[in-house]
């Protein structure tokens, strides 16, 4: 899990919970319209052994994907969908305090259900043009650490299991 702490510069510092298991490759905050263009890593207390952070070259991954997979991601965006119970988005004062991202940001839609649960959809391209260099890069979290999210194409069609396998490879 992550926690956010205020910093003197007015932003926040996001800390990763201590653990000893690897975290699958992912874009930071990739299932939210709050995903940053650039992130900075700082380790205040390095692990005695291990503790490495793996960086992934999305441009290199894009180049290695099959033509069929590239065409799929160029023609359709990815939809991340999560349904959360009332307790996650509504506090005891009935104020919405979502931990699933900002609902008014581009690509995000939501709907409330009769049981007071909330479904949030975030639609984003899995392929981005790099901020510096204008190359196509595969930047997504389809295989990342978001097990509670359903991942489909934007039209709700299933992403084939072979595509997930290819991305992991």
N, C-alpha and C. Protein backbone atom coordinates (compact mmCIF):
# COMPACT_ATOMS: atom_id res chain seq x y z
N UNK A 1 0.82 -1.18 0.00
CA UNK A 1 0.00 0.00 0.00
C UNK A 1 0.85 1.23 0.00
N UNK A 2 0.26 2.34 -0.33
CA UNK A 2 0.96 3.61 -0.37
C UNK A 2 0.36 4.55 0.65
N UNK A 3 1.16 5.48 1.11
CA UNK A 3 0.65 6.54 1.96
C UNK A 3 1.22 7.84 1.45
N UNK A 4 0.43 8.90 1.60
CA UNK A 4 0.87 10.20 1.13
C UNK A 4 1.13 11.08 2.34
N UNK A 5 2.24 11.79 2.32
CA UNK A 5 2.62 12.68 3.40
C UNK A 5 2.90 14.05 2.81
N UNK A 6 2.52 15.09 3.56
CA UNK A 6 2.82 16.44 3.11
C UNK A 6 4.31 16.69 3.14
N UNK A 7 4.75 17.54 2.23
CA UNK A 7 6.14 17.94 2.28
C UNK A 7 6.19 19.46 2.35
N UNK A 8 7.30 20.02 2.78
CA UNK A 8 7.39 21.47 2.92
C UNK A 8 7.18 22.24 1.64
N UNK A 9 7.37 21.59 0.49
CA UNK A 9 7.22 22.27 -0.79
C UNK A 9 5.77 22.40 -1.23
N UNK A 10 4.84 21.90 -0.44
CA UNK A 10 3.43 22.05 -0.77
C UNK A 10 2.84 20.87 -1.52
N UNK A 11 3.65 19.92 -1.95
CA UNK A 11 3.15 18.74 -2.63
C UNK A 11 2.98 17.60 -1.66
N UNK A 12 3.25 16.41 -2.10
CA UNK A 12 3.19 15.28 -1.19
C UNK A 12 4.28 14.29 -1.54
N UNK A 13 4.59 13.49 -0.58
CA UNK A 13 5.55 12.42 -0.76
C UNK A 13 4.78 11.12 -0.62
N UNK A 14 4.92 10.24 -1.56
CA UNK A 14 4.22 8.96 -1.50
C UNK A 14 5.21 7.89 -1.07
N UNK A 15 4.88 7.22 0.01
CA UNK A 15 5.76 6.17 0.52
C UNK A 15 5.18 4.81 0.20
N UNK A 16 6.05 3.86 0.00
CA UNK A 16 5.63 2.49 -0.27
C UNK A 16 5.77 1.69 1.01
N UNK A 17 4.76 0.92 1.32
CA UNK A 17 4.79 0.09 2.52
C UNK A 17 5.97 -0.86 2.47
N UNK A 18 6.61 -1.03 3.61
CA UNK A 18 7.74 -1.94 3.71
C UNK A 18 7.26 -3.35 3.40
N UNK A 19 8.03 -4.06 2.64
CA UNK A 19 7.68 -5.44 2.30
C UNK A 19 8.86 -6.11 1.63
N UNK A 20 8.67 -7.38 1.32
CA UNK A 20 9.78 -8.09 0.68
C UNK A 20 9.36 -8.82 -0.58
N UNK A 21 8.24 -8.42 -1.15
CA UNK A 21 7.78 -9.06 -2.38
C UNK A 21 7.91 -8.06 -3.53
N UNK A 22 8.23 -8.55 -4.71
CA UNK A 22 8.32 -7.64 -5.85
C UNK A 22 6.94 -7.09 -6.23
N UNK A 23 6.92 -5.90 -6.77
CA UNK A 23 5.69 -5.27 -7.24
C UNK A 23 5.77 -5.28 -8.77
N UNK A 24 4.72 -5.75 -9.42
CA UNK A 24 4.70 -5.84 -10.88
C UNK A 24 4.90 -4.46 -11.50
N UNK A 25 5.49 -4.46 -12.70
CA UNK A 25 5.71 -3.20 -13.40
C UNK A 25 4.40 -2.47 -13.63
N UNK A 26 4.43 -1.17 -13.43
CA UNK A 26 3.22 -0.36 -13.57
C UNK A 26 3.59 1.11 -13.71
N UNK A 27 2.65 1.88 -14.22
CA UNK A 27 2.80 3.34 -14.24
C UNK A 27 2.31 3.83 -12.88
N UNK A 28 2.94 4.85 -12.35
CA UNK A 28 2.51 5.39 -11.07
C UNK A 28 1.12 6.00 -11.21
N UNK A 29 0.22 5.61 -10.32
CA UNK A 29 -1.17 6.07 -10.35
C UNK A 29 -1.83 5.86 -11.71
N UNK A 30 -1.52 4.75 -12.36
CA UNK A 30 -1.96 4.51 -13.73
C UNK A 30 -3.45 4.29 -13.88
N UNK A 31 -4.14 3.96 -12.82
CA UNK A 31 -5.58 3.72 -12.92
C UNK A 31 -6.36 4.97 -12.50
N UNK A 32 -5.71 6.11 -12.59
CA UNK A 32 -6.31 7.36 -12.16
C UNK A 32 -5.87 8.49 -13.08
N UNK A 33 -6.75 9.44 -13.26
CA UNK A 33 -6.42 10.60 -14.08
C UNK A 33 -5.38 11.48 -13.40
N UNK A 34 -4.98 11.13 -12.19
CA UNK A 34 -3.95 11.89 -11.47
C UNK A 34 -2.55 11.37 -11.76
N UNK A 35 -2.40 10.55 -12.76
CA UNK A 35 -1.10 9.94 -13.03
C UNK A 35 -0.10 11.00 -13.51
N UNK A 36 1.10 11.00 -12.93
CA UNK A 36 2.08 12.04 -13.25
C UNK A 36 2.81 11.78 -14.56
N UNK A 37 3.31 12.85 -15.16
CA UNK A 37 4.16 12.73 -16.35
C UNK A 37 5.57 12.31 -15.95
N UNK A 38 6.03 12.82 -14.83
CA UNK A 38 7.39 12.57 -14.37
C UNK A 38 7.34 12.26 -12.88
N UNK A 39 8.12 11.27 -12.45
CA UNK A 39 8.23 10.98 -11.02
C UNK A 39 9.69 10.93 -10.63
N UNK A 40 9.93 11.12 -9.36
CA UNK A 40 11.29 11.12 -8.83
C UNK A 40 11.34 10.11 -7.71
N UNK A 41 12.35 9.26 -7.71
CA UNK A 41 12.51 8.25 -6.67
C UNK A 41 13.62 8.67 -5.71
N UNK A 42 13.36 8.49 -4.44
CA UNK A 42 14.36 8.77 -3.42
C UNK A 42 14.22 7.72 -2.34
N UNK A 43 15.31 7.14 -1.95
CA UNK A 43 15.30 6.12 -0.90
C UNK A 43 16.02 6.67 0.32
N UNK A 44 15.27 6.98 1.37
CA UNK A 44 15.85 7.55 2.58
C UNK A 44 16.65 6.52 3.36
N UNK A 45 16.23 5.27 3.32
CA UNK A 45 16.91 4.21 4.06
C UNK A 45 16.96 2.96 3.19
N UNK A 46 18.05 2.74 2.48
CA UNK A 46 18.13 1.58 1.59
C UNK A 46 18.12 0.26 2.35
N UNK A 47 17.62 -0.77 1.70
CA UNK A 47 17.62 -2.11 2.28
C UNK A 47 19.06 -2.59 2.43
N UNK A 48 19.30 -3.43 3.44
CA UNK A 48 20.62 -4.00 3.64
C UNK A 48 20.99 -4.88 2.45
N UNK A 49 20.03 -5.69 1.99
CA UNK A 49 20.21 -6.49 0.78
C UNK A 49 18.94 -6.37 -0.05
N UNK A 50 19.07 -6.49 -1.34
CA UNK A 50 17.92 -6.41 -2.23
C UNK A 50 17.35 -4.99 -2.23
N UNK A 51 16.04 -4.90 -2.38
CA UNK A 51 15.38 -3.61 -2.34
C UNK A 51 15.50 -2.80 -3.62
N UNK A 52 15.87 -3.45 -4.71
CA UNK A 52 16.06 -2.73 -5.96
C UNK A 52 14.73 -2.22 -6.51
N UNK A 53 14.81 -1.13 -7.26
CA UNK A 53 13.66 -0.63 -8.01
C UNK A 53 13.96 -0.88 -9.48
N UNK A 54 13.06 -1.57 -10.15
CA UNK A 54 13.22 -1.87 -11.57
C UNK A 54 12.58 -0.75 -12.38
N UNK A 55 13.32 -0.21 -13.30
CA UNK A 55 12.77 0.79 -14.21
C UNK A 55 12.51 0.10 -15.54
N UNK A 56 11.46 0.51 -16.20
CA UNK A 56 11.05 -0.14 -17.44
C UNK A 56 11.08 0.88 -18.57
N UNK A 57 11.62 0.49 -19.69
CA UNK A 57 11.68 1.33 -20.87
C UNK A 57 10.46 1.05 -21.75
N UNK A 58 9.45 1.90 -21.65
CA UNK A 58 8.21 1.71 -22.40
C UNK A 58 8.40 1.81 -23.90
N UNK A 59 9.39 2.56 -24.34
CA UNK A 59 9.69 2.66 -25.78
C UNK A 59 10.20 1.32 -26.27
N UNK A 60 11.11 0.70 -25.51
CA UNK A 60 11.65 -0.61 -25.90
C UNK A 60 10.56 -1.68 -25.89
N UNK A 61 9.69 -1.64 -24.89
CA UNK A 61 8.59 -2.62 -24.84
C UNK A 61 7.69 -2.45 -26.05
N UNK A 62 7.34 -1.21 -26.38
CA UNK A 62 6.47 -0.96 -27.53
C UNK A 62 7.09 -1.55 -28.80
N UNK A 63 8.37 -1.36 -28.98
CA UNK A 63 9.05 -1.89 -30.17
C UNK A 63 8.98 -3.41 -30.25
N UNK A 64 8.96 -4.09 -29.11
CA UNK A 64 8.98 -5.56 -29.06
C UNK A 64 7.60 -6.20 -29.18
N UNK A 65 6.53 -5.43 -29.01
CA UNK A 65 5.19 -6.01 -29.10
C UNK A 65 4.87 -6.42 -30.53
N UNK A 66 4.02 -7.43 -30.67
CA UNK A 66 3.63 -7.89 -32.00
C UNK A 66 2.81 -6.82 -32.71
N UNK A 67 2.77 -6.89 -34.02
CA UNK A 67 2.00 -5.92 -34.80
C UNK A 67 0.52 -5.97 -34.42
N UNK A 68 -0.01 -7.17 -34.17
CA UNK A 68 -1.43 -7.31 -33.81
C UNK A 68 -1.72 -6.62 -32.48
N UNK A 69 -0.83 -6.78 -31.50
CA UNK A 69 -1.03 -6.15 -30.19
C UNK A 69 -0.90 -4.64 -30.32
N UNK A 70 0.08 -4.19 -31.09
CA UNK A 70 0.23 -2.74 -31.31
C UNK A 70 -1.03 -2.16 -31.92
N UNK A 71 -1.56 -2.83 -32.93
CA UNK A 71 -2.78 -2.33 -33.60
C UNK A 71 -3.95 -2.26 -32.62
N UNK A 72 -4.07 -3.28 -31.75
CA UNK A 72 -5.14 -3.27 -30.74
C UNK A 72 -5.06 -2.03 -29.86
N UNK A 73 -3.85 -1.73 -29.37
CA UNK A 73 -3.68 -0.61 -28.45
C UNK A 73 -3.69 0.75 -29.16
N UNK A 74 -3.39 0.77 -30.44
CA UNK A 74 -3.51 2.03 -31.18
C UNK A 74 -4.97 2.33 -31.53
N UNK A 75 -5.78 1.29 -31.68
CA UNK A 75 -7.17 1.50 -32.08
C UNK A 75 -8.14 1.58 -30.91
N UNK A 76 -7.75 1.05 -29.75
CA UNK A 76 -8.64 1.06 -28.58
C UNK A 76 -7.88 1.46 -27.33
N UNK A 77 -8.52 2.27 -26.52
CA UNK A 77 -7.96 2.61 -25.22
C UNK A 77 -8.27 1.49 -24.23
N UNK A 78 -7.68 1.59 -23.05
CA UNK A 78 -7.89 0.61 -21.98
C UNK A 78 -8.84 1.22 -20.95
N UNK A 79 -9.75 0.38 -20.44
CA UNK A 79 -10.69 0.80 -19.39
C UNK A 79 -10.34 0.05 -18.11
N UNK A 80 -10.07 0.81 -17.05
CA UNK A 80 -9.87 0.25 -15.71
C UNK A 80 -11.16 0.52 -14.94
N UNK A 81 -11.76 -0.52 -14.38
CA UNK A 81 -13.04 -0.39 -13.67
C UNK A 81 -12.92 -0.98 -12.28
N UNK A 82 -13.42 -0.24 -11.30
CA UNK A 82 -13.45 -0.74 -9.93
C UNK A 82 -14.78 -0.33 -9.29
N UNK A 83 -15.34 -1.25 -8.50
CA UNK A 83 -16.53 -0.95 -7.72
C UNK A 83 -16.15 -1.01 -6.26
N UNK A 84 -16.48 0.06 -5.54
CA UNK A 84 -16.11 0.15 -4.13
C UNK A 84 -17.36 0.34 -3.27
N UNK A 85 -17.34 -0.19 -2.04
CA UNK A 85 -18.49 -0.01 -1.15
C UNK A 85 -18.57 1.43 -0.63
N UNK A 86 -19.72 1.76 -0.11
CA UNK A 86 -20.00 3.10 0.42
C UNK A 86 -18.92 3.58 1.39
N UNK A 87 -18.42 2.67 2.22
CA UNK A 87 -17.45 3.04 3.25
C UNK A 87 -16.15 3.60 2.66
N UNK A 88 -15.85 3.27 1.42
CA UNK A 88 -14.60 3.73 0.81
C UNK A 88 -14.71 5.18 0.35
N UNK A 89 -15.88 5.60 -0.12
CA UNK A 89 -15.99 6.93 -0.69
C UNK A 89 -16.79 7.92 0.13
N UNK A 90 -17.45 7.48 1.19
CA UNK A 90 -18.30 8.38 1.97
C UNK A 90 -17.92 8.28 3.44
N UNK A 91 -17.57 9.40 4.06
CA UNK A 91 -17.22 9.35 5.48
C UNK A 91 -18.47 9.48 6.35
N UNK A 92 -18.31 9.46 7.66
CA UNK A 92 -19.47 9.48 8.56
C UNK A 92 -20.27 10.77 8.47
N UNK A 93 -19.67 11.84 7.92
CA UNK A 93 -20.39 13.10 7.72
C UNK A 93 -21.02 13.18 6.32
N UNK A 94 -21.01 12.04 5.64
CA UNK A 94 -21.58 11.92 4.29
C UNK A 94 -20.89 12.84 3.28
N UNK A 95 -19.59 13.08 3.50
CA UNK A 95 -18.79 13.82 2.54
C UNK A 95 -18.02 12.81 1.71
N UNK A 96 -18.00 13.02 0.41
CA UNK A 96 -17.28 12.09 -0.47
C UNK A 96 -15.78 12.30 -0.29
N UNK A 97 -15.10 11.24 0.07
CA UNK A 97 -13.65 11.27 0.27
C UNK A 97 -13.05 10.07 -0.47
N UNK A 98 -13.00 10.18 -1.77
CA UNK A 98 -12.58 9.05 -2.60
C UNK A 98 -11.09 8.78 -2.51
N UNK A 99 -10.77 7.51 -2.41
CA UNK A 99 -9.38 7.10 -2.50
C UNK A 99 -9.12 6.47 -3.86
N UNK A 100 -10.06 6.55 -4.77
CA UNK A 100 -9.93 5.93 -6.08
C UNK A 100 -9.66 6.93 -7.20
N UNK A 101 -9.32 8.14 -6.86
CA UNK A 101 -8.97 9.14 -7.87
C UNK A 101 -10.01 10.24 -7.96
N UNK A 102 -9.66 11.29 -8.63
CA UNK A 102 -10.55 12.43 -8.78
C UNK A 102 -11.59 12.14 -9.85
N UNK A 103 -12.86 12.32 -9.51
CA UNK A 103 -13.93 11.95 -10.43
C UNK A 103 -14.16 12.96 -11.56
N UNK A 104 -13.64 14.14 -11.44
CA UNK A 104 -13.91 15.17 -12.46
C UNK A 104 -12.80 15.29 -13.48
N UNK A 105 -11.81 14.42 -13.42
CA UNK A 105 -10.69 14.53 -14.34
C UNK A 105 -10.96 13.77 -15.64
N UNK A 106 -10.31 14.19 -16.71
CA UNK A 106 -10.52 13.61 -18.03
C UNK A 106 -10.35 12.10 -18.02
N UNK A 107 -11.27 11.41 -18.67
CA UNK A 107 -11.19 9.96 -18.79
C UNK A 107 -11.89 9.21 -17.67
N UNK A 108 -12.38 9.93 -16.65
CA UNK A 108 -12.99 9.28 -15.50
C UNK A 108 -14.51 9.47 -15.52
N UNK A 109 -15.23 8.37 -15.36
CA UNK A 109 -16.68 8.43 -15.19
C UNK A 109 -17.04 7.59 -13.97
N UNK A 110 -18.21 7.82 -13.43
CA UNK A 110 -18.62 7.06 -12.26
C UNK A 110 -20.14 6.92 -12.23
N UNK A 111 -20.57 5.91 -11.47
CA UNK A 111 -22.01 5.70 -11.28
C UNK A 111 -22.24 5.07 -9.91
N UNK A 112 -23.31 5.55 -9.26
CA UNK A 112 -23.71 5.02 -7.96
C UNK A 112 -24.75 3.94 -8.18
N UNK A 113 -24.80 2.95 -7.29
CA UNK A 113 -25.72 1.83 -7.41
C UNK A 113 -26.71 1.84 -6.25
N UNK A 114 -27.79 1.06 -6.40
CA UNK A 114 -28.83 1.00 -5.36
C UNK A 114 -28.28 0.58 -4.01
N UNK A 115 -27.23 -0.26 -3.99
CA UNK A 115 -26.65 -0.70 -2.72
C UNK A 115 -25.63 0.31 -2.17
N UNK A 116 -25.59 1.50 -2.78
CA UNK A 116 -24.71 2.61 -2.41
C UNK A 116 -23.24 2.37 -2.74
N UNK A 117 -22.95 1.30 -3.49
CA UNK A 117 -21.59 1.13 -3.96
C UNK A 117 -21.37 2.10 -5.12
N UNK A 118 -20.12 2.29 -5.48
CA UNK A 118 -19.75 3.23 -6.52
C UNK A 118 -18.82 2.53 -7.50
N UNK A 119 -19.12 2.66 -8.79
CA UNK A 119 -18.24 2.13 -9.82
C UNK A 119 -17.55 3.29 -10.51
N UNK A 120 -16.23 3.20 -10.60
CA UNK A 120 -15.42 4.22 -11.25
C UNK A 120 -14.74 3.58 -12.45
N UNK A 121 -14.82 4.24 -13.59
CA UNK A 121 -14.15 3.82 -14.81
C UNK A 121 -13.13 4.88 -15.19
N UNK A 122 -11.95 4.43 -15.55
CA UNK A 122 -10.94 5.35 -16.06
C UNK A 122 -10.47 4.79 -17.39
N UNK A 123 -10.58 5.58 -18.45
CA UNK A 123 -10.21 5.16 -19.80
C UNK A 123 -8.99 5.95 -20.23
N UNK A 124 -7.96 5.22 -20.67
CA UNK A 124 -6.70 5.86 -21.04
C UNK A 124 -6.01 5.01 -22.11
N UNK A 125 -5.22 5.65 -22.92
CA UNK A 125 -4.45 4.92 -23.92
C UNK A 125 -3.31 4.17 -23.25
N UNK A 126 -3.04 2.97 -23.72
CA UNK A 126 -1.89 2.19 -23.23
C UNK A 126 -0.62 2.63 -23.93
N UNK A 127 -0.78 3.46 -24.96
CA UNK A 127 0.36 3.92 -25.75
C UNK A 127 0.39 5.45 -25.67
N UNK A 128 1.51 5.97 -25.24
CA UNK A 128 1.66 7.41 -25.12
C UNK A 128 2.86 7.87 -25.93
N UNK A 129 2.79 9.12 -26.35
CA UNK A 129 3.97 9.73 -26.95
C UNK A 129 4.82 10.26 -25.80
N UNK A 130 6.10 9.96 -25.83
CA UNK A 130 6.97 10.40 -24.74
C UNK A 130 7.01 11.92 -24.67
N UNK A 131 7.12 12.43 -23.46
CA UNK A 131 7.17 13.87 -23.24
C UNK A 131 8.40 14.49 -23.90
N UNK A 132 9.50 13.77 -23.85
CA UNK A 132 10.74 14.25 -24.45
C UNK A 132 11.18 13.23 -25.50
N UNK A 133 11.20 13.61 -26.75
CA UNK A 133 11.66 12.72 -27.80
C UNK A 133 10.57 12.28 -28.75
N UNK A 134 9.31 12.46 -28.39
CA UNK A 134 8.17 12.15 -29.26
C UNK A 134 8.22 10.75 -29.87
N UNK A 135 8.49 9.75 -29.04
CA UNK A 135 8.44 8.36 -29.47
C UNK A 135 7.23 7.70 -28.83
N UNK A 136 6.73 6.63 -29.45
CA UNK A 136 5.64 5.89 -28.83
C UNK A 136 6.20 4.99 -27.73
N UNK A 137 5.48 4.97 -26.61
CA UNK A 137 5.89 4.16 -25.46
C UNK A 137 4.68 3.41 -24.92
N UNK A 138 4.90 2.18 -24.52
CA UNK A 138 3.86 1.38 -23.89
C UNK A 138 3.87 1.74 -22.41
N UNK A 139 2.84 2.44 -21.96
CA UNK A 139 2.79 2.95 -20.59
C UNK A 139 1.43 2.66 -20.00
N UNK A 140 1.35 1.61 -19.21
CA UNK A 140 0.07 1.19 -18.65
C UNK A 140 0.32 0.32 -17.43
N UNK A 141 -0.76 -0.16 -16.85
CA UNK A 141 -0.63 -1.04 -15.68
C UNK A 141 -1.50 -2.29 -15.84
N UNK A 142 -1.60 -2.78 -17.05
CA UNK A 142 -2.41 -3.97 -17.28
C UNK A 142 -1.92 -5.16 -16.47
N UNK A 143 -0.62 -5.29 -16.33
CA UNK A 143 -0.07 -6.41 -15.57
C UNK A 143 0.43 -5.95 -14.20
N UNK A 144 0.10 -4.74 -13.82
CA UNK A 144 0.61 -4.16 -12.57
C UNK A 144 -0.19 -4.53 -11.34
N UNK A 145 0.13 -3.87 -10.24
CA UNK A 145 -0.39 -4.24 -8.92
C UNK A 145 -1.78 -3.68 -8.62
N UNK A 146 -2.72 -3.90 -9.49
CA UNK A 146 -4.08 -3.41 -9.28
C UNK A 146 -5.08 -4.56 -9.42
N UNK A 147 -5.04 -5.54 -8.50
CA UNK A 147 -5.87 -6.73 -8.66
C UNK A 147 -7.37 -6.47 -8.57
N UNK A 148 -7.78 -5.37 -7.93
CA UNK A 148 -9.20 -5.10 -7.76
C UNK A 148 -9.84 -4.45 -8.99
N UNK A 149 -9.02 -4.07 -9.95
CA UNK A 149 -9.53 -3.41 -11.15
C UNK A 149 -9.78 -4.42 -12.26
N UNK A 150 -10.94 -4.30 -12.90
CA UNK A 150 -11.21 -5.06 -14.11
C UNK A 150 -10.58 -4.28 -15.25
N UNK A 151 -9.88 -4.96 -16.12
CA UNK A 151 -9.16 -4.31 -17.21
C UNK A 151 -9.70 -4.82 -18.54
N UNK A 152 -10.29 -3.92 -19.31
CA UNK A 152 -10.86 -4.27 -20.61
C UNK A 152 -10.45 -3.18 -21.61
N UNK A 153 -10.84 -3.39 -22.87
CA UNK A 153 -10.73 -2.29 -23.81
C UNK A 153 -11.85 -1.30 -23.50
N UNK A 154 -11.74 -0.08 -24.04
CA UNK A 154 -12.71 0.97 -23.71
C UNK A 154 -14.15 0.59 -24.07
N UNK A 155 -14.33 -0.28 -25.05
CA UNK A 155 -15.68 -0.70 -25.45
C UNK A 155 -16.17 -1.90 -24.62
N UNK A 156 -15.49 -2.19 -23.53
CA UNK A 156 -15.79 -3.30 -22.59
C UNK A 156 -15.45 -4.67 -23.15
N UNK A 157 -14.84 -4.73 -24.33
CA UNK A 157 -14.43 -6.03 -24.86
C UNK A 157 -13.21 -6.52 -24.08
N UNK A 158 -13.09 -7.83 -23.99
CA UNK A 158 -12.01 -8.44 -23.22
C UNK A 158 -10.66 -8.24 -23.91
N UNK A 159 -9.64 -8.03 -23.13
CA UNK A 159 -8.28 -8.02 -23.65
C UNK A 159 -7.83 -9.47 -23.60
N UNK A 160 -7.43 -10.05 -24.73
CA UNK A 160 -7.08 -11.47 -24.76
C UNK A 160 -5.95 -11.82 -23.78
N UNK A 161 -6.05 -13.01 -23.20
CA UNK A 161 -5.02 -13.50 -22.26
C UNK A 161 -3.65 -13.52 -22.93
N UNK A 162 -3.62 -13.78 -24.23
CA UNK A 162 -2.34 -13.82 -24.94
C UNK A 162 -1.66 -12.46 -24.94
N UNK A 163 -2.44 -11.38 -24.92
CA UNK A 163 -1.87 -10.03 -24.87
C UNK A 163 -1.22 -9.79 -23.51
N UNK A 164 -1.88 -10.23 -22.42
CA UNK A 164 -1.28 -10.10 -21.09
C UNK A 164 0.02 -10.89 -21.02
N UNK A 165 0.02 -12.08 -21.61
CA UNK A 165 1.23 -12.92 -21.62
C UNK A 165 2.36 -12.22 -22.39
N UNK A 166 2.00 -11.65 -23.52
CA UNK A 166 3.00 -10.96 -24.34
C UNK A 166 3.60 -9.77 -23.58
N UNK A 167 2.76 -9.01 -22.89
CA UNK A 167 3.25 -7.86 -22.12
C UNK A 167 4.20 -8.33 -21.03
N UNK A 168 3.83 -9.38 -20.31
CA UNK A 168 4.70 -9.90 -19.24
C UNK A 168 6.03 -10.38 -19.79
N UNK A 169 5.99 -10.99 -20.95
CA UNK A 169 7.21 -11.53 -21.57
C UNK A 169 8.15 -10.40 -21.92
